[in-house]
Amino acid sequence: MNAPVQHRVVFDFEIDFSNGGGLQGQGFRLDIEGDTIDDDALADYLVRDLRLLMVGEVRILDKRIICEAHKRVGGETG
């Protein structure tokens, strides 16, 4: 019996905070359900996953989906 294919999204991002400052990430990976995720959903997922507050703009860059085992128990996505 074959294990189901699991997907992760690998991407770069830039986040601007509404009270000033920002955050950048390169080669960041998150487990996802299925084999696709749009940029708006990914931005929301990233902000929730990092538990960020006072987020202004989120830019998703260089996004790609890879087949790779989920790292979290049960493949949680949020």
C-alpha atoms as a PDB file:
ATOM      1  CA  MET A   1       0.000   0.000   0.000  1.00  0.00           C
ATOM      2  CA  ASN A   2       1.454   3.372  -1.039  1.00  0.00           C
ATOM      3  CA  ALA A   3       1.482   6.373   1.290  1.00  0.00           C
ATOM      4  CA  PRO A   4      -0.394   9.411  -0.051  1.00  0.00           C
ATOM      5  CA  VAL A   5       1.718  12.059  -1.779  1.00  0.00           C
ATOM      6  CA  GLN A   6       2.388  14.991   0.519  1.00  0.00           C
ATOM      7  CA  HIS A   7       3.158  18.494  -0.691  1.00  0.00           C
ATOM      8  CA  ARG A   8       5.019  21.458   0.713  1.00  0.00           C
ATOM      9  CA  VAL A   9       5.277  24.962  -0.624  1.00  0.00           C
ATOM     10  CA  VAL A  10       8.743  26.529  -0.771  1.00  0.00           C
ATOM     11  CA  PHE A  11       8.805  30.305  -1.179  1.00  0.00           C
ATOM     12  CA  ASP A  12      10.409  33.627  -0.373  1.00  0.00           C
ATOM     13  CA  PHE A  13       8.391  36.359   1.300  1.00  0.00           C
ATOM     14  CA  GLU A  14       8.448  39.964   2.432  1.00  0.00           C
ATOM     15  CA  ILE A  15       6.143  41.271   5.154  1.00  0.00           C
ATOM     16  CA  ASP A  16       5.617  44.933   6.003  1.00  0.00           C
ATOM     17  CA  PHE A  17       4.211  45.787   9.426  1.00  0.00           C
ATOM     18  CA  SER A  18       1.644  48.551   9.838  1.00  0.00           C
ATOM     19  CA  ASN A  19       3.617  50.011  12.755  1.00  0.00           C
ATOM     20  CA  GLY A  20       6.919  50.038  10.805  1.00  0.00           C
ATOM     21  CA  GLY A  21       9.596  47.497  10.032  1.00  0.00           C
ATOM     22  CA  GLY A  22       9.412  44.292   8.129  1.00  0.00           C
ATOM     23  CA  LEU A  23      10.377  40.659   7.881  1.00  0.00           C
ATOM     24  CA  GLN A  24      11.860  38.633   5.026  1.00  0.00           C
ATOM     25  CA  GLY A  25      12.274  34.920   4.498  1.00  0.00           C
ATOM     26  CA  GLN A  26      14.024  32.895   1.830  1.00  0.00           C
ATOM     27  CA  GLY A  27      13.412  29.236   1.044  1.00  0.00           C
ATOM     28  CA  PHE A  28      10.667  29.054   3.698  1.00  0.00           C
ATOM     29  CA  ARG A  29       8.682  25.791   3.702  1.00  0.00           C
ATOM     30  CA  LEU A  30       5.154  25.046   4.851  1.00  0.00           C
ATOM     31  CA  ASP A  31       3.088  21.868   4.649  1.00  0.00           C
ATOM     32  CA  ILE A  32      -0.017  22.202   2.483  1.00  0.00           C
ATOM     33  CA  GLU A  33      -3.055  20.100   1.704  1.00  0.00           C
ATOM     34  CA  GLY A  34      -3.253  19.250  -1.973  1.00  0.00           C
ATOM     35  CA  ASP A  35      -0.882  20.336  -4.697  1.00  0.00           C
ATOM     36  CA  THR A  36      -1.693  24.036  -5.026  1.00  0.00           C
ATOM     37  CA  ILE A  37      -2.213  27.170  -2.932  1.00  0.00           C
ATOM     38  CA  ASP A  38      -2.811  30.713  -4.170  1.00  0.00           C
ATOM     39  CA  ASP A  39      -0.694  33.620  -2.962  1.00  0.00           C
ATOM     40  CA  ASP A  40      -3.460  35.230  -0.856  1.00  0.00           C
ATOM     41  CA  ALA A  41      -4.185  31.970   0.975  1.00  0.00           C
ATOM     42  CA  LEU A  42      -0.459  31.361   1.465  1.00  0.00           C
ATOM     43  CA  ALA A  43       0.032  34.871   2.876  1.00  0.00           C
ATOM     44  CA  ASP A  44      -2.826  34.311   5.358  1.00  0.00           C
ATOM     45  CA  TYR A  45      -1.426  30.891   6.315  1.00  0.00           C
ATOM     46  CA  LEU A  46       2.071  32.351   6.829  1.00  0.00           C
ATOM     47  CA  VAL A  47       0.811  35.174   9.078  1.00  0.00           C
ATOM     48  CA  ARG A  48      -1.250  32.696  11.168  1.00  0.00           C
ATOM     49  CA  ASP A  49       1.580  30.156  11.359  1.00  0.00           C
ATOM     50  CA  LEU A  50       4.084  32.774  12.565  1.00  0.00           C
ATOM     51  CA  ARG A  51       1.429  34.341  14.844  1.00  0.00           C
ATOM     52  CA  LEU A  52       2.197  37.822  13.541  1.00  0.00           C
ATOM     53  CA  LEU A  53       0.289  40.950  14.530  1.00  0.00           C
ATOM     54  CA  MET A  54      -0.074  44.350  12.879  1.00  0.00           C
ATOM     55  CA  VAL A  55       0.751  42.969   9.440  1.00  0.00           C
ATOM     56  CA  GLY A  56       0.453  45.382   6.533  1.00  0.00           C
ATOM     57  CA  GLU A  57       1.405  43.980   3.125  1.00  0.00           C
ATOM     58  CA  VAL A  58       2.638  40.435   2.443  1.00  0.00           C
ATOM     59  CA  ARG A  59       4.456  39.641  -0.798  1.00  0.00           C
ATOM     60  CA  ILE A  60       4.967  36.019  -1.863  1.00  0.00           C
ATOM     61  CA  LEU A  61       7.935  35.483  -4.190  1.00  0.00           C
ATOM     62  CA  ASP A  62       9.464  32.523  -6.030  1.00  0.00           C
ATOM     63  CA  LYS A  63       6.758  30.047  -4.925  1.00  0.00           C
ATOM     64  CA  ARG A  64       7.009  26.392  -5.898  1.00  0.00           C
ATOM     65  CA  ILE A  65       5.275  23.221  -4.760  1.00  0.00           C
ATOM     66  CA  ILE A  66       7.369  20.148  -3.983  1.00  0.00           C
ATOM     67  CA  CYS A  67       6.551  16.559  -3.059  1.00  0.00           C
ATOM     68  CA  GLU A  68       8.038  16.012   0.375  1.00  0.00           C
ATOM     69  CA  ALA A  69       6.835  14.360   3.557  1.00  0.00           C
ATOM     70  CA  HIS A  70       5.105  16.701   5.976  1.00  0.00           C
ATOM     71  CA  LYS A  71       7.220  17.629   8.984  1.00  0.00           C
ATOM     72  CA  ARG A  72       4.338  18.267  11.400  1.00  0.00           C
ATOM     73  CA  VAL A  73       2.350  15.553  13.076  1.00  0.00           C
ATOM     74  CA  GLY A  74      -0.659  14.799  10.887  1.00  0.00           C
ATOM     75  CA  GLY A  75       0.413  17.337   8.252  1.00  0.00           C
ATOM     76  CA  GLU A  76      -1.369  20.225  10.030  1.00  0.00           C
ATOM     77  CA  THR A  77      -1.837  23.328   7.895  1.00  0.00           C
ATOM     78  CA  GLY A  78      -3.278  25.815  10.289  1.00  0.00           C
END
